[in-house]
Amino acid sequence: MSRVLVVDDEEVHLRATSALLRRTGITVETALGGESALEALERGPFDAALVDLMMPRINGLELVRTIHTRYPGLRVVLTSSFPLSARQIERMGLGAIAFVPKPCPVHELIAALGVGPRPEEQGRTAMAHLAPPTPPPPEPERRT
C-alpha cells in the first residue's frame, strides 16, 4: 500500500485532497505547513509527497529543497492554484519535479505521484470510479 504526505497551509485543501486519495486505497498523512511536514517526514517513510507552493514560513520551494537533501529518493509533486509553465518550474532549480495544478483530477494526481492502485494489476479499482469514462471518438459521416 502506498503512503503519501500531503502538505498545504489551507485545511480545506488538505481534507479534500486526502479524502480523494484515501478513496483510491492510498494511505495519507497530512501536514498543515512546512514545519509539520518536516516532523512527519522524520516519523516515517513515505512513497511520495504532494507539496503546496504558496505557504507561509517554509514555502513549498524551500520544503522541496529540504526534502531533496534529506530524503533524496522521495518523489515530490508540487501543486498550486497559480498556473506554472514547465519553464517556470525549471527556473526554480528543483531538478526534475512534477507539477499539478489545483484542483486536479484524482487520476492525474495519482499518476504524478506515481502511487496507488494500478488498473492492470487490480482490475476495476476505486480510481476507475472517480475518473469519468472517456467517450469513444465520433464516427465519420458516410455519404452514399
C-alpha atoms as a PDB file:
ATOM      1  CA  MET A   1       0.000   0.000   0.000  1.00  0.00           C
ATOM      2  CA  SER A   2       1.295   3.440  -0.925  1.00  0.00           C
ATOM      3  CA  ARG A   3       1.808   6.148   1.686  1.00  0.00           C
ATOM      4  CA  VAL A   4       1.629   9.826   0.679  1.00  0.00           C
ATOM      5  CA  LEU A   5       2.302  13.010   2.639  1.00  0.00           C
ATOM      6  CA  VAL A   6       0.018  15.899   1.620  1.00  0.00           C
ATOM      7  CA  VAL A   7       1.321  19.329   2.653  1.00  0.00           C
ATOM      8  CA  ASP A   8      -0.738  22.520   2.495  1.00  0.00           C
ATOM      9  CA  ASP A   9      -1.363  25.550   4.696  1.00  0.00           C
ATOM     10  CA  GLU A  10      -5.103  25.501   3.975  1.00  0.00           C
ATOM     11  CA  GLU A  11      -7.007  22.862   5.893  1.00  0.00           C
ATOM     12  CA  VAL A  12      -9.812  22.662   3.337  1.00  0.00           C
ATOM     13  CA  HIS A  13      -7.302  21.626   0.638  1.00  0.00           C
ATOM     14  CA  LEU A  14      -5.737  19.082   2.980  1.00  0.00           C
ATOM     15  CA  ARG A  15      -9.096  17.472   3.731  1.00  0.00           C
ATOM     16  CA  ALA A  16     -10.290  17.427   0.123  1.00  0.00           C
ATOM     17  CA  THR A  17      -7.072  16.047  -1.350  1.00  0.00           C
ATOM     18  CA  SER A  18      -6.554  13.442   1.354  1.00  0.00           C
ATOM     19  CA  ALA A  19     -10.180  12.248   1.016  1.00  0.00           C
ATOM     20  CA  LEU A  20      -9.743  11.794  -2.749  1.00  0.00           C
ATOM     21  CA  LEU A  21      -6.512   9.842  -2.321  1.00  0.00           C
ATOM     22  CA  ARG A  22      -7.884   7.688   0.507  1.00  0.00           C
ATOM     23  CA  ARG A  23     -10.857   6.651  -1.646  1.00  0.00           C
ATOM     24  CA  THR A  24      -8.377   5.041  -4.029  1.00  0.00           C
ATOM     25  CA  GLY A  25      -6.796   2.998  -1.232  1.00  0.00           C
ATOM     26  CA  ILE A  26      -3.756   5.200  -0.622  1.00  0.00           C
ATOM     27  CA  THR A  27      -2.642   5.809   2.959  1.00  0.00           C
ATOM     28  CA  VAL A  28      -2.426   9.558   3.514  1.00  0.00           C
ATOM     29  CA  GLU A  29      -0.858  11.668   6.210  1.00  0.00           C
ATOM     30  CA  THR A  30      -1.436  15.407   6.185  1.00  0.00           C
ATOM     31  CA  ALA A  31       0.766  18.257   7.320  1.00  0.00           C
ATOM     32  CA  LEU A  32      -0.534  21.779   7.875  1.00  0.00           C
ATOM     33  CA  GLY A  33       2.530  23.708   6.655  1.00  0.00           C
ATOM     34  CA  GLY A  34       6.225  23.111   6.156  1.00  0.00           C
ATOM     35  CA  GLU A  35       7.205  22.622   9.806  1.00  0.00           C
ATOM     36  CA  SER A  36       4.595  19.896  10.269  1.00  0.00           C
ATOM     37  CA  ALA A  37       5.758  18.268   7.044  1.00  0.00           C
ATOM     38  CA  LEU A  38       9.352  18.028   8.252  1.00  0.00           C
ATOM     39  CA  GLU A  39       8.161  16.441  11.511  1.00  0.00           C
ATOM     40  CA  ALA A  40       6.021  13.924   9.608  1.00  0.00           C
ATOM     41  CA  LEU A  41       8.898  13.018   7.302  1.00  0.00           C
ATOM     42  CA  GLU A  42      11.076  12.184  10.313  1.00  0.00           C
ATOM     43  CA  ARG A  43       8.404   9.861  11.750  1.00  0.00           C
ATOM     44  CA  GLY A  44       8.066   7.508   8.909  1.00  0.00           C
ATOM     45  CA  PRO A  45       8.742   6.563   5.339  1.00  0.00           C
ATOM     46  CA  PHE A  46       6.585   7.887   2.520  1.00  0.00           C
ATOM     47  CA  ASP A  47       6.362   6.866  -1.111  1.00  0.00           C
ATOM     48  CA  ALA A  48       5.614  10.411  -2.270  1.00  0.00           C
ATOM     49  CA  ALA A  49       4.801  13.924  -1.084  1.00  0.00           C
ATOM     50  CA  LEU A  50       2.387  16.473  -2.522  1.00  0.00           C
ATOM     51  CA  VAL A  51       3.604  19.963  -1.565  1.00  0.00           C
ATOM     52  CA  ASP A  52       1.739  23.251  -1.936  1.00  0.00           C
ATOM     53  CA  LEU A  53       3.887  26.010  -3.428  1.00  0.00           C
ATOM     54  CA  MET A  54       2.486  29.023  -1.552  1.00  0.00           C
ATOM     55  CA  MET A  55       2.803  28.551   2.209  1.00  0.00           C
ATOM     56  CA  PRO A  56       3.931  30.911   4.963  1.00  0.00           C
ATOM     57  CA  ARG A  57       7.162  30.418   6.941  1.00  0.00           C
ATOM     58  CA  ILE A  58       8.585  27.464   4.986  1.00  0.00           C
ATOM     59  CA  ASN A  59       7.240  27.825   1.445  1.00  0.00           C
ATOM     60  CA  GLY A  60       6.912  24.952  -0.994  1.00  0.00           C
ATOM     61  CA  LEU A  61      10.214  25.663  -2.750  1.00  0.00           C
ATOM     62  CA  GLU A  62      12.183  25.622   0.490  1.00  0.00           C
ATOM     63  CA  LEU A  63      10.420  22.470   1.607  1.00  0.00           C
ATOM     64  CA  VAL A  64      11.093  20.668  -1.684  1.00  0.00           C
ATOM     65  CA  ARG A  65      14.786  21.597  -1.496  1.00  0.00           C
ATOM     66  CA  THR A  66      14.976  20.291   2.082  1.00  0.00           C
ATOM     67  CA  ILE A  67      13.196  17.078   1.108  1.00  0.00           C
ATOM     68  CA  HIS A  68      15.598  16.534  -1.815  1.00  0.00           C
ATOM     69  CA  THR A  69      18.551  16.990   0.559  1.00  0.00           C
ATOM     70  CA  ARG A  70      17.299  14.853   3.462  1.00  0.00           C
ATOM     71  CA  TYR A  71      15.224  12.272   1.559  1.00  0.00           C
ATOM     72  CA  PRO A  72      16.751  12.084  -1.938  1.00  0.00           C
ATOM     73  CA  GLY A  73      14.686   9.076  -3.038  1.00  0.00           C
ATOM     74  CA  LEU A  74      11.309  10.561  -2.171  1.00  0.00           C
ATOM     75  CA  ARG A  75       9.117  11.524  -5.130  1.00  0.00           C
ATOM     76  CA  VAL A  76       7.820  15.078  -4.681  1.00  0.00           C
ATOM     77  CA  VAL A  77       4.996  16.713  -6.610  1.00  0.00           C
ATOM     78  CA  LEU A  78       4.490  20.461  -6.381  1.00  0.00           C
ATOM     79  CA  THR A  79       0.970  21.905  -6.529  1.00  0.00           C
ATOM     80  CA  SER A  80      -0.504  25.383  -6.681  1.00  0.00           C
ATOM     81  CA  SER A  81      -3.639  27.311  -7.569  1.00  0.00           C
ATOM     82  CA  PHE A  82      -1.387  29.502  -9.705  1.00  0.00           C
ATOM     83  CA  PRO A  83      -0.665  28.091 -13.167  1.00  0.00           C
ATOM     84  CA  LEU A  84       3.016  27.394 -13.769  1.00  0.00           C
ATOM     85  CA  SER A  85       4.712  26.590 -17.046  1.00  0.00           C
ATOM     86  CA  ALA A  86       7.404  23.956 -17.440  1.00  0.00           C
ATOM     87  CA  ARG A  87       9.905  26.788 -17.944  1.00  0.00           C
ATOM     88  CA  GLN A  88       8.920  28.448 -14.649  1.00  0.00           C
ATOM     89  CA  ILE A  89       9.316  25.159 -12.813  1.00  0.00           C
ATOM     90  CA  GLU A  90      12.697  24.623 -14.471  1.00  0.00           C
ATOM     91  CA  ARG A  91      13.837  28.082 -13.308  1.00  0.00           C
ATOM     92  CA  MET A  92      13.058  27.139  -9.708  1.00  0.00           C
ATOM     93  CA  GLY A  93      16.113  24.889  -9.813  1.00  0.00           C
ATOM     94  CA  LEU A  94      14.403  21.860  -8.302  1.00  0.00           C
ATOM     95  CA  GLY A  95      15.558  19.360 -10.886  1.00  0.00           C
ATOM     96  CA  ALA A  96      13.013  17.022 -12.425  1.00  0.00           C
ATOM     97  CA  ILE A  97       9.860  17.605 -10.433  1.00  0.00           C
ATOM     98  CA  ALA A  98       6.241  17.040 -11.296  1.00  0.00           C
ATOM     99  CA  PHE A  99       3.662  19.814 -11.026  1.00  0.00           C
ATOM    100  CA  VAL A 100      -0.120  19.519 -10.806  1.00  0.00           C
ATOM    101  CA  PRO A 101      -2.496  22.475 -10.660  1.00  0.00           C
ATOM    102  CA  LYS A 102      -5.230  22.869  -8.053  1.00  0.00           C
ATOM    103  CA  PRO A 103      -7.753  21.422  -8.495  1.00  0.00           C
ATOM    104  CA  CYS A 104      -6.544  18.336 -10.300  1.00  0.00           C
ATOM    105  CA  PRO A 105      -8.478  15.215 -11.332  1.00  0.00           C
ATOM    106  CA  VAL A 106      -7.598  12.380  -8.976  1.00  0.00           C
ATOM    107  CA  HIS A 107      -6.310  10.088 -11.750  1.00  0.00           C
ATOM    108  CA  GLU A 108      -3.827  12.788 -12.866  1.00  0.00           C
ATOM    109  CA  LEU A 109      -2.752  13.386  -9.271  1.00  0.00           C
ATOM    110  CA  ILE A 110      -2.129   9.681  -8.702  1.00  0.00           C
ATOM    111  CA  ALA A 111      -0.183   9.434 -11.958  1.00  0.00           C
ATOM    112  CA  ALA A 112       2.014  12.410 -10.965  1.00  0.00           C
ATOM    113  CA  LEU A 113       2.629  10.930  -7.517  1.00  0.00           C
ATOM    114  CA  GLY A 114       3.459   7.547  -9.048  1.00  0.00           C
ATOM    115  CA  VAL A 115       1.486   5.697  -6.374  1.00  0.00           C
ATOM    116  CA  GLY A 116      -1.805   3.937  -5.866  1.00  0.00           C
ATOM    117  CA  PRO A 117      -3.556   1.022  -7.434  1.00  0.00           C
ATOM    118  CA  ARG A 118      -2.677   0.093 -10.977  1.00  0.00           C
ATOM    119  CA  PRO A 119      -5.710  -0.937 -13.020  1.00  0.00           C
ATOM    120  CA  GLU A 120      -3.801  -3.652 -14.913  1.00  0.00           C
ATOM    121  CA  GLU A 121      -2.832  -5.266 -11.596  1.00  0.00           C
ATOM    122  CA  GLN A 122      -6.068  -4.904  -9.663  1.00  0.00           C
ATOM    123  CA  GLY A 123      -8.805  -4.877 -12.286  1.00  0.00           C
ATOM    124  CA  ARG A 124     -11.598  -2.380 -11.619  1.00  0.00           C
ATOM    125  CA  THR A 125     -10.391  -0.069  -8.829  1.00  0.00           C
ATOM    126  CA  ALA A 126     -11.785   2.803  -6.808  1.00  0.00           C
ATOM    127  CA  MET A 127      -9.782   5.088  -9.094  1.00  0.00           C
ATOM    128  CA  ALA A 128     -11.797   3.903 -12.082  1.00  0.00           C
ATOM    129  CA  HIS A 129     -14.972   5.012 -10.324  1.00  0.00           C
ATOM    130  CA  LEU A 130     -13.576   8.508  -9.759  1.00  0.00           C
ATOM    131  CA  ALA A 131     -12.336   9.140 -13.274  1.00  0.00           C
ATOM    132  CA  PRO A 132     -15.042   9.815 -15.836  1.00  0.00           C
ATOM    133  CA  PRO A 133     -15.077   7.366 -18.725  1.00  0.00           C
ATOM    134  CA  THR A 134     -13.582   8.599 -21.956  1.00  0.00           C
ATOM    135  CA  PRO A 135     -16.219   8.671 -24.676  1.00  0.00           C
ATOM    136  CA  PRO A 136     -15.359   6.991 -27.976  1.00  0.00           C
ATOM    137  CA  PRO A 137     -14.479   9.310 -30.858  1.00  0.00           C
ATOM    138  CA  PRO A 138     -17.356  10.166 -33.175  1.00  0.00           C
ATOM    139  CA  GLU A 139     -17.668   8.073 -36.282  1.00  0.00           C
ATOM    140  CA  PRO A 140     -17.055   9.881 -39.574  1.00  0.00           C
ATOM    141  CA  GLU A 141     -20.109  10.701 -41.616  1.00  0.00           C
ATOM    142  CA  ARG A 142     -20.697   8.353 -44.511  1.00  0.00           C
ATOM    143  CA  ARG A 143     -22.170   9.616 -47.726  1.00  0.00           C
ATOM    144  CA  THR A 144     -23.624   7.200 -50.198  1.00  0.00           C
END
